[in-house]
């Protein structure tokens, strides 16, 4: 619960989430 709530409140939120599917290799 703590990680879910504060992750969204305090996190930056600028990282990719749905792409790309896989990385090189």
PDBML (XML) file of the C-alpha atoms, coordinates in Angstrom:
<?xml version="1.0" encoding="UTF-8" ?>
<PDBx:datablock datablockName="MODEL"
   xmlns:PDBx="http://pdbml.pdb.org/schema/pdbx-v50.xsd"
   xmlns:xsi="http://www.w3.org/2001/XMLSchema-instance"
   xsi:schemaLocation="http://pdbml.pdb.org/schema/pdbx-v50.xsd pdbx-v50.xsd">
   <PDBx:atom_siteCategory>
      <PDBx:atom_site id="1">
         <PDBx:B_iso_or_equiv>0.00</PDBx:B_iso_or_equiv>
         <PDBx:Cartn_x>0.000</PDBx:Cartn_x>
         <PDBx:Cartn_y>0.000</PDBx:Cartn_y>
         <PDBx:Cartn_z>0.000</PDBx:Cartn_z>
         <PDBx:auth_asym_id>A</PDBx:auth_asym_id>
         <PDBx:auth_atom_id>CA</PDBx:auth_atom_id>
         <PDBx:auth_comp_id>UNK</PDBx:auth_comp_id>
         <PDBx:auth_seq_id>1</PDBx:auth_seq_id>
         <PDBx:group_PDB>ATOM</PDBx:group_PDB>
         <PDBx:label_alt_id xsi:nil="true" />
         <PDBx:label_asym_id>A</PDBx:label_asym_id>
         <PDBx:label_atom_id>CA</PDBx:label_atom_id>
         <PDBx:label_comp_id>UNK</PDBx:label_comp_id>
         <PDBx:label_entity_id>1</PDBx:label_entity_id>
         <PDBx:label_seq_id>1</PDBx:label_seq_id>
         <PDBx:occupancy>1.00</PDBx:occupancy>
         <PDBx:pdbx_PDB_model_num>1</PDBx:pdbx_PDB_model_num>
         <PDBx:type_symbol>C</PDBx:type_symbol>
      </PDBx:atom_site>
      <PDBx:atom_site id="2">
         <PDBx:B_iso_or_equiv>0.00</PDBx:B_iso_or_equiv>
         <PDBx:Cartn_x>2.755</PDBx:Cartn_x>
         <PDBx:Cartn_y>2.461</PDBx:Cartn_y>
         <PDBx:Cartn_z>0.948</PDBx:Cartn_z>
         <PDBx:auth_asym_id>A</PDBx:auth_asym_id>
         <PDBx:auth_atom_id>CA</PDBx:auth_atom_id>
         <PDBx:auth_comp_id>UNK</PDBx:auth_comp_id>
         <PDBx:auth_seq_id>2</PDBx:auth_seq_id>
         <PDBx:group_PDB>ATOM</PDBx:group_PDB>
         <PDBx:label_alt_id xsi:nil="true" />
         <PDBx:label_asym_id>A</PDBx:label_asym_id>
         <PDBx:label_atom_id>CA</PDBx:label_atom_id>
         <PDBx:label_comp_id>UNK</PDBx:label_comp_id>
         <PDBx:label_entity_id>1</PDBx:label_entity_id>
         <PDBx:label_seq_id>2</PDBx:label_seq_id>
         <PDBx:occupancy>1.00</PDBx:occupancy>
         <PDBx:pdbx_PDB_model_num>1</PDBx:pdbx_PDB_model_num>
         <PDBx:type_symbol>C</PDBx:type_symbol>
      </PDBx:atom_site>
      <PDBx:atom_site id="3">
         <PDBx:B_iso_or_equiv>0.00</PDBx:B_iso_or_equiv>
         <PDBx:Cartn_x>4.762</PDBx:Cartn_x>
         <PDBx:Cartn_y>1.852</PDBx:Cartn_y>
         <PDBx:Cartn_z>-2.227</PDBx:Cartn_z>
         <PDBx:auth_asym_id>A</PDBx:auth_asym_id>
         <PDBx:auth_atom_id>CA</PDBx:auth_atom_id>
         <PDBx:auth_comp_id>UNK</PDBx:auth_comp_id>
         <PDBx:auth_seq_id>3</PDBx:auth_seq_id>
         <PDBx:group_PDB>ATOM</PDBx:group_PDB>
         <PDBx:label_alt_id xsi:nil="true" />
         <PDBx:label_asym_id>A</PDBx:label_asym_id>
         <PDBx:label_atom_id>CA</PDBx:label_atom_id>
         <PDBx:label_comp_id>UNK</PDBx:label_comp_id>
         <PDBx:label_entity_id>1</PDBx:label_entity_id>
         <PDBx:label_seq_id>3</PDBx:label_seq_id>
         <PDBx:occupancy>1.00</PDBx:occupancy>
         <PDBx:pdbx_PDB_model_num>1</PDBx:pdbx_PDB_model_num>
         <PDBx:type_symbol>C</PDBx:type_symbol>
      </PDBx:atom_site>
      <PDBx:atom_site id="4">
         <PDBx:B_iso_or_equiv>0.00</PDBx:B_iso_or_equiv>
         <PDBx:Cartn_x>1.691</PDBx:Cartn_x>
         <PDBx:Cartn_y>2.195</PDBx:Cartn_y>
         <PDBx:Cartn_z>-4.452</PDBx:Cartn_z>
         <PDBx:auth_asym_id>A</PDBx:auth_asym_id>
         <PDBx:auth_atom_id>CA</PDBx:auth_atom_id>
         <PDBx:auth_comp_id>UNK</PDBx:auth_comp_id>
         <PDBx:auth_seq_id>4</PDBx:auth_seq_id>
         <PDBx:group_PDB>ATOM</PDBx:group_PDB>
         <PDBx:label_alt_id xsi:nil="true" />
         <PDBx:label_asym_id>A</PDBx:label_asym_id>
         <PDBx:label_atom_id>CA</PDBx:label_atom_id>
         <PDBx:label_comp_id>UNK</PDBx:label_comp_id>
         <PDBx:label_entity_id>1</PDBx:label_entity_id>
         <PDBx:label_seq_id>4</PDBx:label_seq_id>
         <PDBx:occupancy>1.00</PDBx:occupancy>
         <PDBx:pdbx_PDB_model_num>1</PDBx:pdbx_PDB_model_num>
         <PDBx:type_symbol>C</PDBx:type_symbol>
      </PDBx:atom_site>
      <PDBx:atom_site id="5">
         <PDBx:B_iso_or_equiv>0.00</PDBx:B_iso_or_equiv>
         <PDBx:Cartn_x>0.494</PDBx:Cartn_x>
         <PDBx:Cartn_y>5.454</PDBx:Cartn_y>
         <PDBx:Cartn_z>-2.892</PDBx:Cartn_z>
         <PDBx:auth_asym_id>A</PDBx:auth_asym_id>
         <PDBx:auth_atom_id>CA</PDBx:auth_atom_id>
         <PDBx:auth_comp_id>UNK</PDBx:auth_comp_id>
         <PDBx:auth_seq_id>5</PDBx:auth_seq_id>
         <PDBx:group_PDB>ATOM</PDBx:group_PDB>
         <PDBx:label_alt_id xsi:nil="true" />
         <PDBx:label_asym_id>A</PDBx:label_asym_id>
         <PDBx:label_atom_id>CA</PDBx:label_atom_id>
         <PDBx:label_comp_id>UNK</PDBx:label_comp_id>
         <PDBx:label_entity_id>1</PDBx:label_entity_id>
         <PDBx:label_seq_id>5</PDBx:label_seq_id>
         <PDBx:occupancy>1.00</PDBx:occupancy>
         <PDBx:pdbx_PDB_model_num>1</PDBx:pdbx_PDB_model_num>
         <PDBx:type_symbol>C</PDBx:type_symbol>
      </PDBx:atom_site>
      <PDBx:atom_site id="6">
         <PDBx:B_iso_or_equiv>0.00</PDBx:B_iso_or_equiv>
         <PDBx:Cartn_x>3.808</PDBx:Cartn_x>
         <PDBx:Cartn_y>7.227</PDBx:Cartn_y>
         <PDBx:Cartn_z>-2.404</PDBx:Cartn_z>
         <PDBx:auth_asym_id>A</PDBx:auth_asym_id>
         <PDBx:auth_atom_id>CA</PDBx:auth_atom_id>
         <PDBx:auth_comp_id>UNK</PDBx:auth_comp_id>
         <PDBx:auth_seq_id>6</PDBx:auth_seq_id>
         <PDBx:group_PDB>ATOM</PDBx:group_PDB>
         <PDBx:label_alt_id xsi:nil="true" />
         <PDBx:label_asym_id>A</PDBx:label_asym_id>
         <PDBx:label_atom_id>CA</PDBx:label_atom_id>
         <PDBx:label_comp_id>UNK</PDBx:label_comp_id>
         <PDBx:label_entity_id>1</PDBx:label_entity_id>
         <PDBx:label_seq_id>6</PDBx:label_seq_id>
         <PDBx:occupancy>1.00</PDBx:occupancy>
         <PDBx:pdbx_PDB_model_num>1</PDBx:pdbx_PDB_model_num>
         <PDBx:type_symbol>C</PDBx:type_symbol>
      </PDBx:atom_site>
      <PDBx:atom_site id="7">
         <PDBx:B_iso_or_equiv>0.00</PDBx:B_iso_or_equiv>
         <PDBx:Cartn_x>5.300</PDBx:Cartn_x>
         <PDBx:Cartn_y>5.890</PDBx:Cartn_y>
         <PDBx:Cartn_z>-5.628</PDBx:Cartn_z>
         <PDBx:auth_asym_id>A</PDBx:auth_asym_id>
         <PDBx:auth_atom_id>CA</PDBx:auth_atom_id>
         <PDBx:auth_comp_id>UNK</PDBx:auth_comp_id>
         <PDBx:auth_seq_id>7</PDBx:auth_seq_id>
         <PDBx:group_PDB>ATOM</PDBx:group_PDB>
         <PDBx:label_alt_id xsi:nil="true" />
         <PDBx:label_asym_id>A</PDBx:label_asym_id>
         <PDBx:label_atom_id>CA</PDBx:label_atom_id>
         <PDBx:label_comp_id>UNK</PDBx:label_comp_id>
         <PDBx:label_entity_id>1</PDBx:label_entity_id>
         <PDBx:label_seq_id>7</PDBx:label_seq_id>
         <PDBx:occupancy>1.00</PDBx:occupancy>
         <PDBx:pdbx_PDB_model_num>1</PDBx:pdbx_PDB_model_num>
         <PDBx:type_symbol>C</PDBx:type_symbol>
      </PDBx:atom_site>
      <PDBx:atom_site id="8">
         <PDBx:B_iso_or_equiv>0.00</PDBx:B_iso_or_equiv>
         <PDBx:Cartn_x>2.752</PDBx:Cartn_x>
         <PDBx:Cartn_y>7.921</PDBx:Cartn_y>
         <PDBx:Cartn_z>-7.589</PDBx:Cartn_z>
         <PDBx:auth_asym_id>A</PDBx:auth_asym_id>
         <PDBx:auth_atom_id>CA</PDBx:auth_atom_id>
         <PDBx:auth_comp_id>UNK</PDBx:auth_comp_id>
         <PDBx:auth_seq_id>8</PDBx:auth_seq_id>
         <PDBx:group_PDB>ATOM</PDBx:group_PDB>
         <PDBx:label_alt_id xsi:nil="true" />
         <PDBx:label_asym_id>A</PDBx:label_asym_id>
         <PDBx:label_atom_id>CA</PDBx:label_atom_id>
         <PDBx:label_comp_id>UNK</PDBx:label_comp_id>
         <PDBx:label_entity_id>1</PDBx:label_entity_id>
         <PDBx:label_seq_id>8</PDBx:label_seq_id>
         <PDBx:occupancy>1.00</PDBx:occupancy>
         <PDBx:pdbx_PDB_model_num>1</PDBx:pdbx_PDB_model_num>
         <PDBx:type_symbol>C</PDBx:type_symbol>
      </PDBx:atom_site>
      <PDBx:atom_site id="9">
         <PDBx:B_iso_or_equiv>0.00</PDBx:B_iso_or_equiv>
         <PDBx:Cartn_x>2.817</PDBx:Cartn_x>
         <PDBx:Cartn_y>10.917</PDBx:Cartn_y>
         <PDBx:Cartn_z>-5.226</PDBx:Cartn_z>
         <PDBx:auth_asym_id>A</PDBx:auth_asym_id>
         <PDBx:auth_atom_id>CA</PDBx:auth_atom_id>
         <PDBx:auth_comp_id>UNK</PDBx:auth_comp_id>
         <PDBx:auth_seq_id>9</PDBx:auth_seq_id>
         <PDBx:group_PDB>ATOM</PDBx:group_PDB>
         <PDBx:label_alt_id xsi:nil="true" />
         <PDBx:label_asym_id>A</PDBx:label_asym_id>
         <PDBx:label_atom_id>CA</PDBx:label_atom_id>
         <PDBx:label_comp_id>UNK</PDBx:label_comp_id>
         <PDBx:label_entity_id>1</PDBx:label_entity_id>
         <PDBx:label_seq_id>9</PDBx:label_seq_id>
         <PDBx:occupancy>1.00</PDBx:occupancy>
         <PDBx:pdbx_PDB_model_num>1</PDBx:pdbx_PDB_model_num>
         <PDBx:type_symbol>C</PDBx:type_symbol>
      </PDBx:atom_site>
      <PDBx:atom_site id="10">
         <PDBx:B_iso_or_equiv>0.00</PDBx:B_iso_or_equiv>
         <PDBx:Cartn_x>6.589</PDBx:Cartn_x>
         <PDBx:Cartn_y>11.280</PDBx:Cartn_y>
         <PDBx:Cartn_z>-4.908</PDBx:Cartn_z>
         <PDBx:auth_asym_id>A</PDBx:auth_asym_id>
         <PDBx:auth_atom_id>CA</PDBx:auth_atom_id>
         <PDBx:auth_comp_id>UNK</PDBx:auth_comp_id>
         <PDBx:auth_seq_id>10</PDBx:auth_seq_id>
         <PDBx:group_PDB>ATOM</PDBx:group_PDB>
         <PDBx:label_alt_id xsi:nil="true" />
         <PDBx:label_asym_id>A</PDBx:label_asym_id>
         <PDBx:label_atom_id>CA</PDBx:label_atom_id>
         <PDBx:label_comp_id>UNK</PDBx:label_comp_id>
         <PDBx:label_entity_id>1</PDBx:label_entity_id>
         <PDBx:label_seq_id>10</PDBx:label_seq_id>
         <PDBx:occupancy>1.00</PDBx:occupancy>
         <PDBx:pdbx_PDB_model_num>1</PDBx:pdbx_PDB_model_num>
         <PDBx:type_symbol>C</PDBx:type_symbol>
      </PDBx:atom_site>
      <PDBx:atom_site id="11">
         <PDBx:B_iso_or_equiv>0.00</PDBx:B_iso_or_equiv>
         <PDBx:Cartn_x>7.838</PDBx:Cartn_x>
         <PDBx:Cartn_y>9.594</PDBx:Cartn_y>
         <PDBx:Cartn_z>-8.088</PDBx:Cartn_z>
         <PDBx:auth_asym_id>A</PDBx:auth_asym_id>
         <PDBx:auth_atom_id>CA</PDBx:auth_atom_id>
         <PDBx:auth_comp_id>UNK</PDBx:auth_comp_id>
         <PDBx:auth_seq_id>11</PDBx:auth_seq_id>
         <PDBx:group_PDB>ATOM</PDBx:group_PDB>
         <PDBx:label_alt_id xsi:nil="true" />
         <PDBx:label_asym_id>A</PDBx:label_asym_id>
         <PDBx:label_atom_id>CA</PDBx:label_atom_id>
         <PDBx:label_comp_id>UNK</PDBx:label_comp_id>
         <PDBx:label_entity_id>1</PDBx:label_entity_id>
         <PDBx:label_seq_id>11</PDBx:label_seq_id>
         <PDBx:occupancy>1.00</PDBx:occupancy>
         <PDBx:pdbx_PDB_model_num>1</PDBx:pdbx_PDB_model_num>
         <PDBx:type_symbol>C</PDBx:type_symbol>
      </PDBx:atom_site>
      <PDBx:atom_site id="12">
         <PDBx:B_iso_or_equiv>0.00</PDBx:B_iso_or_equiv>
         <PDBx:Cartn_x>8.877</PDBx:Cartn_x>
         <PDBx:Cartn_y>11.532</PDBx:Cartn_y>
         <PDBx:Cartn_z>-11.166</PDBx:Cartn_z>
         <PDBx:auth_asym_id>A</PDBx:auth_asym_id>
         <PDBx:auth_atom_id>CA</PDBx:auth_atom_id>
         <PDBx:auth_comp_id>UNK</PDBx:auth_comp_id>
         <PDBx:auth_seq_id>12</PDBx:auth_seq_id>
         <PDBx:group_PDB>ATOM</PDBx:group_PDB>
         <PDBx:label_alt_id xsi:nil="true" />
         <PDBx:label_asym_id>A</PDBx:label_asym_id>
         <PDBx:label_atom_id>CA</PDBx:label_atom_id>
         <PDBx:label_comp_id>UNK</PDBx:label_comp_id>
         <PDBx:label_entity_id>1</PDBx:label_entity_id>
         <PDBx:label_seq_id>12</PDBx:label_seq_id>
         <PDBx:occupancy>1.00</PDBx:occupancy>
         <PDBx:pdbx_PDB_model_num>1</PDBx:pdbx_PDB_model_num>
         <PDBx:type_symbol>C</PDBx:type_symbol>
      </PDBx:atom_site>
      <PDBx:atom_site id="13">
         <PDBx:B_iso_or_equiv>0.00</PDBx:B_iso_or_equiv>
         <PDBx:Cartn_x>6.628</PDBx:Cartn_x>
         <PDBx:Cartn_y>9.710</PDBx:Cartn_y>
         <PDBx:Cartn_z>-13.618</PDBx:Cartn_z>
         <PDBx:auth_asym_id>A</PDBx:auth_asym_id>
         <PDBx:auth_atom_id>CA</PDBx:auth_atom_id>
         <PDBx:auth_comp_id>UNK</PDBx:auth_comp_id>
         <PDBx:auth_seq_id>13</PDBx:auth_seq_id>
         <PDBx:group_PDB>ATOM</PDBx:group_PDB>
         <PDBx:label_alt_id xsi:nil="true" />
         <PDBx:label_asym_id>A</PDBx:label_asym_id>
         <PDBx:label_atom_id>CA</PDBx:label_atom_id>
         <PDBx:label_comp_id>UNK</PDBx:label_comp_id>
         <PDBx:label_entity_id>1</PDBx:label_entity_id>
         <PDBx:label_seq_id>13</PDBx:label_seq_id>
         <PDBx:occupancy>1.00</PDBx:occupancy>
         <PDBx:pdbx_PDB_model_num>1</PDBx:pdbx_PDB_model_num>
         <PDBx:type_symbol>C</PDBx:type_symbol>
      </PDBx:atom_site>
      <PDBx:atom_site id="14">
         <PDBx:B_iso_or_equiv>0.00</PDBx:B_iso_or_equiv>
         <PDBx:Cartn_x>8.700</PDBx:Cartn_x>
         <PDBx:Cartn_y>10.462</PDBx:Cartn_y>
         <PDBx:Cartn_z>-16.687</PDBx:Cartn_z>
         <PDBx:auth_asym_id>A</PDBx:auth_asym_id>
         <PDBx:auth_atom_id>CA</PDBx:auth_atom_id>
         <PDBx:auth_comp_id>UNK</PDBx:auth_comp_id>
         <PDBx:auth_seq_id>14</PDBx:auth_seq_id>
         <PDBx:group_PDB>ATOM</PDBx:group_PDB>
         <PDBx:label_alt_id xsi:nil="true" />
         <PDBx:label_asym_id>A</PDBx:label_asym_id>
         <PDBx:label_atom_id>CA</PDBx:label_atom_id>
         <PDBx:label_comp_id>UNK</PDBx:label_comp_id>
         <PDBx:label_entity_id>1</PDBx:label_entity_id>
         <PDBx:label_seq_id>14</PDBx:label_seq_id>
         <PDBx:occupancy>1.00</PDBx:occupancy>
         <PDBx:pdbx_PDB_model_num>1</PDBx:pdbx_PDB_model_num>
         <PDBx:type_symbol>C</PDBx:type_symbol>
      </PDBx:atom_site>
      <PDBx:atom_site id="15">
         <PDBx:B_iso_or_equiv>0.00</PDBx:B_iso_or_equiv>
         <PDBx:Cartn_x>9.891</PDBx:Cartn_x>
         <PDBx:Cartn_y>6.911</PDBx:Cartn_y>
         <PDBx:Cartn_z>-17.424</PDBx:Cartn_z>
         <PDBx:auth_asym_id>A</PDBx:auth_asym_id>
         <PDBx:auth_atom_id>CA</PDBx:auth_atom_id>
         <PDBx:auth_comp_id>UNK</PDBx:auth_comp_id>
         <PDBx:auth_seq_id>15</PDBx:auth_seq_id>
         <PDBx:group_PDB>ATOM</PDBx:group_PDB>
         <PDBx:label_alt_id xsi:nil="true" />
         <PDBx:label_asym_id>A</PDBx:label_asym_id>
         <PDBx:label_atom_id>CA</PDBx:label_atom_id>
         <PDBx:label_comp_id>UNK</PDBx:label_comp_id>
         <PDBx:label_entity_id>1</PDBx:label_entity_id>
         <PDBx:label_seq_id>15</PDBx:label_seq_id>
         <PDBx:occupancy>1.00</PDBx:occupancy>
         <PDBx:pdbx_PDB_model_num>1</PDBx:pdbx_PDB_model_num>
         <PDBx:type_symbol>C</PDBx:type_symbol>
      </PDBx:atom_site>
      <PDBx:atom_site id="16">
         <PDBx:B_iso_or_equiv>0.00</PDBx:B_iso_or_equiv>
         <PDBx:Cartn_x>8.511</PDBx:Cartn_x>
         <PDBx:Cartn_y>4.788</PDBx:Cartn_y>
         <PDBx:Cartn_z>-20.304</PDBx:Cartn_z>
         <PDBx:auth_asym_id>A</PDBx:auth_asym_id>
         <PDBx:auth_atom_id>CA</PDBx:auth_atom_id>
         <PDBx:auth_comp_id>UNK</PDBx:auth_comp_id>
         <PDBx:auth_seq_id>16</PDBx:auth_seq_id>
         <PDBx:group_PDB>ATOM</PDBx:group_PDB>
         <PDBx:label_alt_id xsi:nil="true" />
         <PDBx:label_asym_id>A</PDBx:label_asym_id>
         <PDBx:label_atom_id>CA</PDBx:label_atom_id>
         <PDBx:label_comp_id>UNK</PDBx:label_comp_id>
         <PDBx:label_entity_id>1</PDBx:label_entity_id>
         <PDBx:label_seq_id>16</PDBx:label_seq_id>
         <PDBx:occupancy>1.00</PDBx:occupancy>
         <PDBx:pdbx_PDB_model_num>1</PDBx:pdbx_PDB_model_num>
         <PDBx:type_symbol>C</PDBx:type_symbol>
      </PDBx:atom_site>
      <PDBx:atom_site id="17">
         <PDBx:B_iso_or_equiv>0.00</PDBx:B_iso_or_equiv>
         <PDBx:Cartn_x>5.858</PDBx:Cartn_x>
         <PDBx:Cartn_y>2.282</PDBx:Cartn_y>
         <PDBx:Cartn_z>-19.272</PDBx:Cartn_z>
         <PDBx:auth_asym_id>A</PDBx:auth_asym_id>
         <PDBx:auth_atom_id>CA</PDBx:auth_atom_id>
         <PDBx:auth_comp_id>UNK</PDBx:auth_comp_id>
         <PDBx:auth_seq_id>17</PDBx:auth_seq_id>
         <PDBx:group_PDB>ATOM</PDBx:group_PDB>
         <PDBx:label_alt_id xsi:nil="true" />
         <PDBx:label_asym_id>A</PDBx:label_asym_id>
         <PDBx:label_atom_id>CA</PDBx:label_atom_id>
         <PDBx:label_comp_id>UNK</PDBx:label_comp_id>
         <PDBx:label_entity_id>1</PDBx:label_entity_id>
         <PDBx:label_seq_id>17</PDBx:label_seq_id>
         <PDBx:occupancy>1.00</PDBx:occupancy>
         <PDBx:pdbx_PDB_model_num>1</PDBx:pdbx_PDB_model_num>
         <PDBx:type_symbol>C</PDBx:type_symbol>
      </PDBx:atom_site>
      <PDBx:atom_site id="18">
         <PDBx:B_iso_or_equiv>0.00</PDBx:B_iso_or_equiv>
         <PDBx:Cartn_x>4.450</PDBx:Cartn_x>
         <PDBx:Cartn_y>0.452</PDBx:Cartn_y>
         <PDBx:Cartn_z>-22.321</PDBx:Cartn_z>
         <PDBx:auth_asym_id>A</PDBx:auth_asym_id>
         <PDBx:auth_atom_id>CA</PDBx:auth_atom_id>
         <PDBx:auth_comp_id>UNK</PDBx:auth_comp_id>
         <PDBx:auth_seq_id>18</PDBx:auth_seq_id>
         <PDBx:group_PDB>ATOM</PDBx:group_PDB>
         <PDBx:label_alt_id xsi:nil="true" />
         <PDBx:label_asym_id>A</PDBx:label_asym_id>
         <PDBx:label_atom_id>CA</PDBx:label_atom_id>
         <PDBx:label_comp_id>UNK</PDBx:label_comp_id>
         <PDBx:label_entity_id>1</PDBx:label_entity_id>
         <PDBx:label_seq_id>18</PDBx:label_seq_id>
         <PDBx:occupancy>1.00</PDBx:occupancy>
         <PDBx:pdbx_PDB_model_num>1</PDBx:pdbx_PDB_model_num>
         <PDBx:type_symbol>C</PDBx:type_symbol>
      </PDBx:atom_site>
      <PDBx:atom_site id="19">
         <PDBx:B_iso_or_equiv>0.00</PDBx:B_iso_or_equiv>
         <PDBx:Cartn_x>7.176</PDBx:Cartn_x>
         <PDBx:Cartn_y>0.744</PDBx:Cartn_y>
         <PDBx:Cartn_z>-24.934</PDBx:Cartn_z>
         <PDBx:auth_asym_id>A</PDBx:auth_asym_id>
         <PDBx:auth_atom_id>CA</PDBx:auth_atom_id>
         <PDBx:auth_comp_id>UNK</PDBx:auth_comp_id>
         <PDBx:auth_seq_id>19</PDBx:auth_seq_id>
         <PDBx:group_PDB>ATOM</PDBx:group_PDB>
         <PDBx:label_alt_id xsi:nil="true" />
         <PDBx:label_asym_id>A</PDBx:label_asym_id>
         <PDBx:label_atom_id>CA</PDBx:label_atom_id>
         <PDBx:label_comp_id>UNK</PDBx:label_comp_id>
         <PDBx:label_entity_id>1</PDBx:label_entity_id>
         <PDBx:label_seq_id>19</PDBx:label_seq_id>
         <PDBx:occupancy>1.00</PDBx:occupancy>
         <PDBx:pdbx_PDB_model_num>1</PDBx:pdbx_PDB_model_num>
         <PDBx:type_symbol>C</PDBx:type_symbol>
      </PDBx:atom_site>
      <PDBx:atom_site id="20">
         <PDBx:B_iso_or_equiv>0.00</PDBx:B_iso_or_equiv>
         <PDBx:Cartn_x>9.404</PDBx:Cartn_x>
         <PDBx:Cartn_y>-0.624</PDBx:Cartn_y>
         <PDBx:Cartn_z>-26.214</PDBx:Cartn_z>
         <PDBx:auth_asym_id>A</PDBx:auth_asym_id>
         <PDBx:auth_atom_id>CA</PDBx:auth_atom_id>
         <PDBx:auth_comp_id>UNK</PDBx:auth_comp_id>
         <PDBx:auth_seq_id>20</PDBx:auth_seq_id>
         <PDBx:group_PDB>ATOM</PDBx:group_PDB>
         <PDBx:label_alt_id xsi:nil="true" />
         <PDBx:label_asym_id>A</PDBx:label_asym_id>
         <PDBx:label_atom_id>CA</PDBx:label_atom_id>
         <PDBx:label_comp_id>UNK</PDBx:label_comp_id>
         <PDBx:label_entity_id>1</PDBx:label_entity_id>
         <PDBx:label_seq_id>20</PDBx:label_seq_id>
         <PDBx:occupancy>1.00</PDBx:occupancy>
         <PDBx:pdbx_PDB_model_num>1</PDBx:pdbx_PDB_model_num>
         <PDBx:type_symbol>C</PDBx:type_symbol>
      </PDBx:atom_site>
      <PDBx:atom_site id="21">
         <PDBx:B_iso_or_equiv>0.00</PDBx:B_iso_or_equiv>
         <PDBx:Cartn_x>8.233</PDBx:Cartn_x>
         <PDBx:Cartn_y>-4.228</PDBx:Cartn_y>
         <PDBx:Cartn_z>-25.793</PDBx:Cartn_z>
         <PDBx:auth_asym_id>A</PDBx:auth_asym_id>
         <PDBx:auth_atom_id>CA</PDBx:auth_atom_id>
         <PDBx:auth_comp_id>UNK</PDBx:auth_comp_id>
         <PDBx:auth_seq_id>21</PDBx:auth_seq_id>
         <PDBx:group_PDB>ATOM</PDBx:group_PDB>
         <PDBx:label_alt_id xsi:nil="true" />
         <PDBx:label_asym_id>A</PDBx:label_asym_id>
         <PDBx:label_atom_id>CA</PDBx:label_atom_id>
         <PDBx:label_comp_id>UNK</PDBx:label_comp_id>
         <PDBx:label_entity_id>1</PDBx:label_entity_id>
         <PDBx:label_seq_id>21</PDBx:label_seq_id>
         <PDBx:occupancy>1.00</PDBx:occupancy>
         <PDBx:pdbx_PDB_model_num>1</PDBx:pdbx_PDB_model_num>
         <PDBx:type_symbol>C</PDBx:type_symbol>
      </PDBx:atom_site>
      <PDBx:atom_site id="22">
         <PDBx:B_iso_or_equiv>0.00</PDBx:B_iso_or_equiv>
         <PDBx:Cartn_x>11.769</PDBx:Cartn_x>
         <PDBx:Cartn_y>-5.648</PDBx:Cartn_y>
         <PDBx:Cartn_z>-25.619</PDBx:Cartn_z>
         <PDBx:auth_asym_id>A</PDBx:auth_asym_id>
         <PDBx:auth_atom_id>CA</PDBx:auth_atom_id>
         <PDBx:auth_comp_id>UNK</PDBx:auth_comp_id>
         <PDBx:auth_seq_id>22</PDBx:auth_seq_id>
         <PDBx:group_PDB>ATOM</PDBx:group_PDB>
         <PDBx:label_alt_id xsi:nil="true" />
         <PDBx:label_asym_id>A</PDBx:label_asym_id>
         <PDBx:label_atom_id>CA</PDBx:label_atom_id>
         <PDBx:label_comp_id>UNK</PDBx:label_comp_id>
         <PDBx:label_entity_id>1</PDBx:label_entity_id>
         <PDBx:label_seq_id>22</PDBx:label_seq_id>
         <PDBx:occupancy>1.00</PDBx:occupancy>
         <PDBx:pdbx_PDB_model_num>1</PDBx:pdbx_PDB_model_num>
         <PDBx:type_symbol>C</PDBx:type_symbol>
      </PDBx:atom_site>
      <PDBx:atom_site id="23">
         <PDBx:B_iso_or_equiv>0.00</PDBx:B_iso_or_equiv>
         <PDBx:Cartn_x>15.246</PDBx:Cartn_x>
         <PDBx:Cartn_y>-4.180</PDBx:Cartn_y>
         <PDBx:Cartn_z>-25.622</PDBx:Cartn_z>
         <PDBx:auth_asym_id>A</PDBx:auth_asym_id>
         <PDBx:auth_atom_id>CA</PDBx:auth_atom_id>
         <PDBx:auth_comp_id>UNK</PDBx:auth_comp_id>
         <PDBx:auth_seq_id>23</PDBx:auth_seq_id>
         <PDBx:group_PDB>ATOM</PDBx:group_PDB>
         <PDBx:label_alt_id xsi:nil="true" />
         <PDBx:label_asym_id>A</PDBx:label_asym_id>
         <PDBx:label_atom_id>CA</PDBx:label_atom_id>
         <PDBx:label_comp_id>UNK</PDBx:label_comp_id>
         <PDBx:label_entity_id>1</PDBx:label_entity_id>
         <PDBx:label_seq_id>23</PDBx:label_seq_id>
         <PDBx:occupancy>1.00</PDBx:occupancy>
         <PDBx:pdbx_PDB_model_num>1</PDBx:pdbx_PDB_model_num>
         <PDBx:type_symbol>C</PDBx:type_symbol>
      </PDBx:atom_site>
      <PDBx:atom_site id="24">
         <PDBx:B_iso_or_equiv>0.00</PDBx:B_iso_or_equiv>
         <PDBx:Cartn_x>18.144</PDBx:Cartn_x>
         <PDBx:Cartn_y>-4.812</PDBx:Cartn_y>
         <PDBx:Cartn_z>-28.027</PDBx:Cartn_z>
         <PDBx:auth_asym_id>A</PDBx:auth_asym_id>
         <PDBx:auth_atom_id>CA</PDBx:auth_atom_id>
         <PDBx:auth_comp_id>UNK</PDBx:auth_comp_id>
         <PDBx:auth_seq_id>24</PDBx:auth_seq_id>
         <PDBx:group_PDB>ATOM</PDBx:group_PDB>
         <PDBx:label_alt_id xsi:nil="true" />
         <PDBx:label_asym_id>A</PDBx:label_asym_id>
         <PDBx:label_atom_id>CA</PDBx:label_atom_id>
         <PDBx:label_comp_id>UNK</PDBx:label_comp_id>
         <PDBx:label_entity_id>1</PDBx:label_entity_id>
         <PDBx:label_seq_id>24</PDBx:label_seq_id>
         <PDBx:occupancy>1.00</PDBx:occupancy>
         <PDBx:pdbx_PDB_model_num>1</PDBx:pdbx_PDB_model_num>
         <PDBx:type_symbol>C</PDBx:type_symbol>
      </PDBx:atom_site>
      <PDBx:atom_site id="25">
         <PDBx:B_iso_or_equiv>0.00</PDBx:B_iso_or_equiv>
         <PDBx:Cartn_x>19.157</PDBx:Cartn_x>
         <PDBx:Cartn_y>-8.462</PDBx:Cartn_y>
         <PDBx:Cartn_z>-28.233</PDBx:Cartn_z>
         <PDBx:auth_asym_id>A</PDBx:auth_asym_id>
         <PDBx:auth_atom_id>CA</PDBx:auth_atom_id>
         <PDBx:auth_comp_id>UNK</PDBx:auth_comp_id>
         <PDBx:auth_seq_id>25</PDBx:auth_seq_id>
         <PDBx:group_PDB>ATOM</PDBx:group_PDB>
         <PDBx:label_alt_id xsi:nil="true" />
         <PDBx:label_asym_id>A</PDBx:label_asym_id>
         <PDBx:label_atom_id>CA</PDBx:label_atom_id>
         <PDBx:label_comp_id>UNK</PDBx:label_comp_id>
         <PDBx:label_entity_id>1</PDBx:label_entity_id>
         <PDBx:label_seq_id>25</PDBx:label_seq_id>
         <PDBx:occupancy>1.00</PDBx:occupancy>
         <PDBx:pdbx_PDB_model_num>1</PDBx:pdbx_PDB_model_num>
         <PDBx:type_symbol>C</PDBx:type_symbol>
      </PDBx:atom_site>
   </PDBx:atom_siteCategory>
</PDBx:datablock>
